[in-house]
Amino acid sequence: MDLAAYLRRHHCGDWGEELCGKDKQANEDALVNGTRLLSCYRTAGGDRIYIITEADRSMTTALLPAEY
């Protein structure tokens, strides 16, 4: 898995194909309001990967479903 590719997508505002419209809108609002960002992607192997950036933008974490 190329984690850097998923981090780039997250950084560029591509929240992933696995989020619902409500969650994607929450991310758009978070860019203005300074709240947490969440992305979810499907890997080439079929697994999901979650990427979360904290509200204060101090940390971004990548998690597999068992860790989320």
N, C-alpha and C. Protein backbone atom coordinates (compact mmCIF):
# COMPACT_ATOMS: atom_id res chain seq x y z
N MET A 1 0.85 -1.17 0.00
CA MET A 1 0.00 0.00 0.00
C MET A 1 0.90 1.24 0.00
N ASP A 2 0.57 2.20 -0.84
CA ASP A 2 1.31 3.45 -0.94
C ASP A 2 0.63 4.50 -0.06
N LEU A 3 1.03 4.55 1.20
CA LEU A 3 0.40 5.46 2.14
C LEU A 3 0.55 6.92 1.71
N ALA A 4 1.68 7.26 1.11
CA ALA A 4 1.91 8.64 0.68
C ALA A 4 0.83 9.10 -0.32
N ALA A 5 0.39 8.22 -1.18
CA ALA A 5 -0.64 8.57 -2.16
C ALA A 5 -1.95 8.93 -1.46
N TYR A 6 -2.31 8.17 -0.44
CA TYR A 6 -3.54 8.45 0.31
C TYR A 6 -3.41 9.75 1.11
N LEU A 7 -2.24 9.99 1.68
CA LEU A 7 -2.01 11.23 2.41
C LEU A 7 -2.09 12.44 1.48
N ARG A 8 -1.57 12.32 0.26
CA ARG A 8 -1.67 13.40 -0.72
C ARG A 8 -3.13 13.69 -1.05
N ARG A 9 -3.90 12.65 -1.28
CA ARG A 9 -5.33 12.83 -1.58
C ARG A 9 -6.02 13.57 -0.44
N HIS A 10 -5.77 13.12 0.77
CA HIS A 10 -6.36 13.75 1.96
C HIS A 10 -5.96 15.22 2.03
N HIS A 11 -4.69 15.50 1.84
CA HIS A 11 -4.17 16.86 1.90
C HIS A 11 -4.80 17.76 0.84
N CYS A 12 -5.11 17.21 -0.30
CA CYS A 12 -5.68 17.98 -1.42
C CYS A 12 -7.20 18.08 -1.38
N GLY A 13 -7.84 17.52 -0.35
CA GLY A 13 -9.29 17.63 -0.21
C GLY A 13 -10.08 16.56 -0.94
N ASP A 14 -9.42 15.50 -1.34
CA ASP A 14 -10.10 14.33 -1.90
C ASP A 14 -10.37 13.41 -0.72
N TRP A 15 -11.60 13.43 -0.24
CA TRP A 15 -11.94 12.72 1.00
C TRP A 15 -12.18 11.24 0.81
N GLY A 16 -12.13 10.76 -0.41
CA GLY A 16 -12.25 9.33 -0.66
C GLY A 16 -13.64 8.92 -1.06
N GLU A 17 -13.70 7.81 -1.73
CA GLU A 17 -14.95 7.26 -2.26
C GLU A 17 -15.77 6.54 -1.19
N GLU A 18 -15.20 6.36 -0.02
CA GLU A 18 -15.88 5.59 1.02
C GLU A 18 -16.66 6.46 2.00
N LEU A 19 -16.61 7.77 1.87
CA LEU A 19 -17.36 8.64 2.78
C LEU A 19 -18.71 9.01 2.17
N CYS A 20 -19.71 9.15 3.02
CA CYS A 20 -21.02 9.59 2.55
C CYS A 20 -20.99 11.10 2.32
N GLY A 21 -21.99 11.61 1.67
CA GLY A 21 -22.08 13.03 1.38
C GLY A 21 -22.06 13.90 2.63
N LYS A 22 -22.71 13.44 3.69
CA LYS A 22 -22.75 14.18 4.95
C LYS A 22 -21.34 14.35 5.54
N ASP A 23 -20.57 13.26 5.51
CA ASP A 23 -19.20 13.32 6.03
C ASP A 23 -18.30 14.19 5.16
N LYS A 24 -18.50 14.12 3.85
CA LYS A 24 -17.72 14.98 2.95
C LYS A 24 -18.04 16.45 3.21
N GLN A 25 -19.32 16.76 3.42
CA GLN A 25 -19.70 18.14 3.71
C GLN A 25 -19.13 18.58 5.05
N ALA A 26 -19.10 17.68 6.02
CA ALA A 26 -18.50 18.00 7.32
C ALA A 26 -17.04 18.38 7.15
N ASN A 27 -16.34 17.70 6.24
CA ASN A 27 -14.94 18.05 5.98
C ASN A 27 -14.83 19.42 5.34
N GLU A 28 -15.70 19.72 4.40
CA GLU A 28 -15.67 21.04 3.76
C GLU A 28 -15.92 22.12 4.81
N ASP A 29 -16.86 21.88 5.71
CA ASP A 29 -17.13 22.81 6.80
C ASP A 29 -15.93 22.92 7.73
N ALA A 30 -15.24 21.80 7.97
CA ALA A 30 -14.08 21.78 8.85
C ALA A 30 -12.94 22.65 8.33
N LEU A 31 -12.84 22.78 7.03
CA LEU A 31 -11.81 23.64 6.46
C LEU A 31 -12.03 25.10 6.84
N VAL A 32 -13.28 25.46 7.04
CA VAL A 32 -13.63 26.83 7.44
C VAL A 32 -13.64 26.97 8.96
N ASN A 33 -14.20 25.97 9.64
CA ASN A 33 -14.42 26.03 11.09
C ASN A 33 -13.26 25.52 11.93
N GLY A 34 -12.31 24.84 11.31
CA GLY A 34 -11.16 24.33 12.05
C GLY A 34 -11.47 23.12 12.91
N THR A 35 -12.31 22.22 12.40
CA THR A 35 -12.60 20.99 13.13
C THR A 35 -11.90 19.81 12.43
N ARG A 36 -12.09 18.64 12.97
CA ARG A 36 -11.41 17.43 12.50
C ARG A 36 -11.76 17.09 11.05
N LEU A 37 -10.78 16.55 10.33
CA LEU A 37 -10.96 16.07 8.96
C LEU A 37 -10.86 14.55 8.93
N LEU A 38 -11.73 13.92 8.17
CA LEU A 38 -11.75 12.46 8.05
C LEU A 38 -11.83 12.08 6.58
N SER A 39 -10.95 11.19 6.16
CA SER A 39 -11.01 10.61 4.82
C SER A 39 -11.05 9.10 4.95
N CYS A 40 -11.63 8.44 3.97
CA CYS A 40 -11.67 6.98 3.95
C CYS A 40 -11.51 6.52 2.51
N TYR A 41 -10.53 5.67 2.29
CA TYR A 41 -10.21 5.18 0.95
C TYR A 41 -10.25 3.66 0.91
N ARG A 42 -10.48 3.13 -0.26
CA ARG A 42 -10.42 1.68 -0.50
C ARG A 42 -9.07 1.41 -1.15
N THR A 43 -8.28 0.53 -0.54
CA THR A 43 -6.97 0.20 -1.09
C THR A 43 -7.10 -0.75 -2.27
N ALA A 44 -6.02 -0.93 -2.99
CA ALA A 44 -6.00 -1.84 -4.13
C ALA A 44 -6.36 -3.27 -3.69
N GLY A 45 -6.03 -3.62 -2.46
CA GLY A 45 -6.33 -4.94 -1.93
C GLY A 45 -7.76 -5.08 -1.41
N GLY A 46 -8.53 -3.99 -1.48
CA GLY A 46 -9.92 -4.04 -1.06
C GLY A 46 -10.17 -3.62 0.38
N ASP A 47 -9.11 -3.35 1.12
CA ASP A 47 -9.27 -2.90 2.50
C ASP A 47 -9.55 -1.41 2.53
N ARG A 48 -10.05 -0.96 3.65
CA ARG A 48 -10.25 0.48 3.86
C ARG A 48 -9.07 1.03 4.65
N ILE A 49 -8.80 2.30 4.43
CA ILE A 49 -7.84 3.03 5.24
C ILE A 49 -8.47 4.36 5.60
N TYR A 50 -8.40 4.70 6.88
CA TYR A 50 -8.94 5.96 7.37
C TYR A 50 -7.79 6.91 7.64
N ILE A 51 -7.95 8.17 7.29
CA ILE A 51 -6.97 9.20 7.60
C ILE A 51 -7.71 10.32 8.32
N ILE A 52 -7.18 10.68 9.48
CA ILE A 52 -7.82 11.67 10.34
C ILE A 52 -6.79 12.77 10.66
N THR A 53 -7.18 14.00 10.44
CA THR A 53 -6.38 15.15 10.85
C THR A 53 -7.10 15.83 12.00
N GLU A 54 -6.38 16.04 13.09
CA GLU A 54 -6.96 16.64 14.28
C GLU A 54 -7.39 18.08 14.02
N ALA A 55 -8.32 18.55 14.81
CA ALA A 55 -8.89 19.89 14.64
C ALA A 55 -7.83 20.98 14.66
N ASP A 56 -6.82 20.83 15.50
CA ASP A 56 -5.79 21.87 15.57
C ASP A 56 -4.70 21.68 14.52
N ARG A 57 -4.89 20.65 13.66
CA ARG A 57 -3.98 20.34 12.54
C ARG A 57 -2.58 19.93 13.01
N SER A 58 -2.47 19.54 14.27
CA SER A 58 -1.17 19.16 14.82
C SER A 58 -0.74 17.75 14.45
N MET A 59 -1.71 16.91 14.06
CA MET A 59 -1.39 15.51 13.80
C MET A 59 -2.37 14.92 12.79
N THR A 60 -1.83 14.09 11.91
CA THR A 60 -2.64 13.30 10.99
C THR A 60 -2.29 11.84 11.23
N THR A 61 -3.33 11.01 11.33
CA THR A 61 -3.16 9.60 11.65
C THR A 61 -3.82 8.75 10.58
N ALA A 62 -3.14 7.69 10.17
CA ALA A 62 -3.70 6.70 9.24
C ALA A 62 -4.02 5.45 10.03
N LEU A 63 -5.25 4.93 9.84
CA LEU A 63 -5.70 3.77 10.57
C LEU A 63 -6.34 2.74 9.65
N LEU A 64 -6.13 1.49 9.98
CA LEU A 64 -6.86 0.40 9.32
C LEU A 64 -8.17 0.20 10.09
N PRO A 65 -9.16 -0.45 9.50
CA PRO A 65 -10.46 -0.61 10.16
C PRO A 65 -10.38 -1.19 11.58
N ALA A 66 -9.50 -2.12 11.82
CA ALA A 66 -9.40 -2.72 13.15
C ALA A 66 -8.88 -1.72 14.18
N GLU A 67 -8.25 -0.64 13.71
CA GLU A 67 -7.69 0.36 14.61
C GLU A 67 -8.61 1.56 14.80
N TYR A 68 -9.62 1.67 13.95
CA TYR A 68 -10.48 2.86 13.94
C TYR A 68 -11.50 2.84 15.04
